[in-house]
């Protein structure tokens, strides 16, 4: 399983919190690339509830990880 920002972007509007099956269903209905669906299929626990993308991809970059000043924009 590998994640990129581009692939993770397809789950930003997912109905969090969600189970593995709900995320797969959302990815299919929203037209996400097959790689997103394959990554979700590799999740082990069927019954686990995922609250955010960080639960799926622990290294998912947060807003704090980027060094820019929002006041400038």
C-alpha atoms as a PDB file:
ATOM      1  CA  UNK A   1       0.000   0.000   0.000  1.00  0.00           C
ATOM      2  CA  UNK A   2       1.350   3.398  -0.940  1.00  0.00           C
ATOM      3  CA  UNK A   3      -0.222   6.807  -0.606  1.00  0.00           C
ATOM      4  CA  UNK A   4       0.583  10.084  -2.289  1.00  0.00           C
ATOM      5  CA  UNK A   5      -0.950  13.486  -1.751  1.00  0.00           C
ATOM      6  CA  UNK A   6      -2.743  13.118  -5.065  1.00  0.00           C
ATOM      7  CA  UNK A   7      -4.325   9.806  -4.050  1.00  0.00           C
ATOM      8  CA  UNK A   8      -5.201  10.993  -0.539  1.00  0.00           C
ATOM      9  CA  UNK A   9      -6.848  14.085  -2.014  1.00  0.00           C
ATOM     10  CA  UNK A  10      -9.630  11.863  -3.372  1.00  0.00           C
ATOM     11  CA  UNK A  11     -10.682  11.024   0.195  1.00  0.00           C
ATOM     12  CA  UNK A  12     -10.716  14.565   1.598  1.00  0.00           C
ATOM     13  CA  UNK A  13     -14.499  14.840   1.321  1.00  0.00           C
ATOM     14  CA  UNK A  14     -15.186  11.278   2.443  1.00  0.00           C
ATOM     15  CA  UNK A  15     -17.889  10.810   5.071  1.00  0.00           C
ATOM     16  CA  UNK A  16     -15.587  10.659   8.110  1.00  0.00           C
ATOM     17  CA  UNK A  17     -15.756   8.720  10.391  1.00  0.00           C
ATOM     18  CA  UNK A  18     -16.130   5.700   8.165  1.00  0.00           C
ATOM     19  CA  UNK A  19     -15.413   1.997   7.947  1.00  0.00           C
ATOM     20  CA  UNK A  20     -13.249   0.392   5.288  1.00  0.00           C
ATOM     21  CA  UNK A  21     -16.327  -0.619   3.254  1.00  0.00           C
ATOM     22  CA  UNK A  22     -17.825   2.866   3.457  1.00  0.00           C
ATOM     23  CA  UNK A  23     -14.566   4.419   2.246  1.00  0.00           C
ATOM     24  CA  UNK A  24     -14.343   1.953  -0.644  1.00  0.00           C
ATOM     25  CA  UNK A  25     -17.950   2.702  -1.579  1.00  0.00           C
ATOM     26  CA  UNK A  26     -17.261   6.442  -1.459  1.00  0.00           C
ATOM     27  CA  UNK A  27     -14.109   6.059  -3.581  1.00  0.00           C
ATOM     28  CA  UNK A  28     -16.007   4.090  -6.229  1.00  0.00           C
ATOM     29  CA  UNK A  29     -18.943   6.523  -6.326  1.00  0.00           C
ATOM     30  CA  UNK A  30     -16.687   9.572  -6.479  1.00  0.00           C
ATOM     31  CA  UNK A  31     -14.613   8.205  -9.354  1.00  0.00           C
ATOM     32  CA  UNK A  32     -11.339   7.891  -7.460  1.00  0.00           C
ATOM     33  CA  UNK A  33      -8.460   6.169  -9.266  1.00  0.00           C
ATOM     34  CA  UNK A  34      -8.172   2.406  -8.915  1.00  0.00           C
ATOM     35  CA  UNK A  35      -5.030   2.876  -6.792  1.00  0.00           C
ATOM     36  CA  UNK A  36      -7.141   4.493  -4.045  1.00  0.00           C
ATOM     37  CA  UNK A  37      -9.534   1.547  -4.020  1.00  0.00           C
ATOM     38  CA  UNK A  38      -6.647  -0.949  -4.019  1.00  0.00           C
ATOM     39  CA  UNK A  39      -5.034   0.840  -1.063  1.00  0.00           C
ATOM     40  CA  UNK A  40      -8.303   0.812   0.852  1.00  0.00           C
ATOM     41  CA  UNK A  41      -8.751  -2.913   0.110  1.00  0.00           C
ATOM     42  CA  UNK A  42      -5.379  -3.548   1.767  1.00  0.00           C
ATOM     43  CA  UNK A  43      -6.602  -2.167   5.100  1.00  0.00           C
ATOM     44  CA  UNK A  44      -6.735  -5.091   7.504  1.00  0.00           C
ATOM     45  CA  UNK A  45      -9.546  -4.442   9.974  1.00  0.00           C
ATOM     46  CA  UNK A  46     -12.987  -4.517   8.355  1.00  0.00           C
ATOM     47  CA  UNK A  47     -14.822  -3.217  11.436  1.00  0.00           C
ATOM     48  CA  UNK A  48     -12.425  -0.432  12.436  1.00  0.00           C
ATOM     49  CA  UNK A  49     -13.758   3.099  12.256  1.00  0.00           C
ATOM     50  CA  UNK A  50     -11.396   5.602  10.618  1.00  0.00           C
ATOM     51  CA  UNK A  51     -11.844   9.182  11.803  1.00  0.00           C
ATOM     52  CA  UNK A  52      -9.432  10.948   9.453  1.00  0.00           C
ATOM     53  CA  UNK A  53      -6.956  10.305   6.677  1.00  0.00           C
ATOM     54  CA  UNK A  54      -4.217  10.185   9.348  1.00  0.00           C
ATOM     55  CA  UNK A  55      -5.764   6.946  10.646  1.00  0.00           C
ATOM     56  CA  UNK A  56      -5.178   5.346   7.252  1.00  0.00           C
ATOM     57  CA  UNK A  57      -1.894   7.057   6.337  1.00  0.00           C
ATOM     58  CA  UNK A  58      -0.040   8.052   9.544  1.00  0.00           C
ATOM     59  CA  UNK A  59       2.440  10.179   7.569  1.00  0.00           C
ATOM     60  CA  UNK A  60      -0.319  12.236   5.946  1.00  0.00           C
ATOM     61  CA  UNK A  61       0.974  15.805   5.945  1.00  0.00           C
ATOM     62  CA  UNK A  62      -1.048  18.263   7.980  1.00  0.00           C
ATOM     63  CA  UNK A  63      -1.387  21.964   7.385  1.00  0.00           C
ATOM     64  CA  UNK A  64       1.283  22.574  10.037  1.00  0.00           C
ATOM     65  CA  UNK A  65       3.815  20.607   7.986  1.00  0.00           C
ATOM     66  CA  UNK A  66       3.980  23.276   5.296  1.00  0.00           C
ATOM     67  CA  UNK A  67       6.068  26.363   5.861  1.00  0.00           C
ATOM     68  CA  UNK A  68       4.113  29.305   4.542  1.00  0.00           C
ATOM     69  CA  UNK A  69       2.421  32.299   6.053  1.00  0.00           C
ATOM     70  CA  UNK A  70      -1.317  32.329   5.385  1.00  0.00           C
ATOM     71  CA  UNK A  71      -1.487  36.033   6.228  1.00  0.00           C
ATOM     72  CA  UNK A  72       0.480  36.787   3.070  1.00  0.00           C
ATOM     73  CA  UNK A  73      -2.227  35.353   0.807  1.00  0.00           C
END
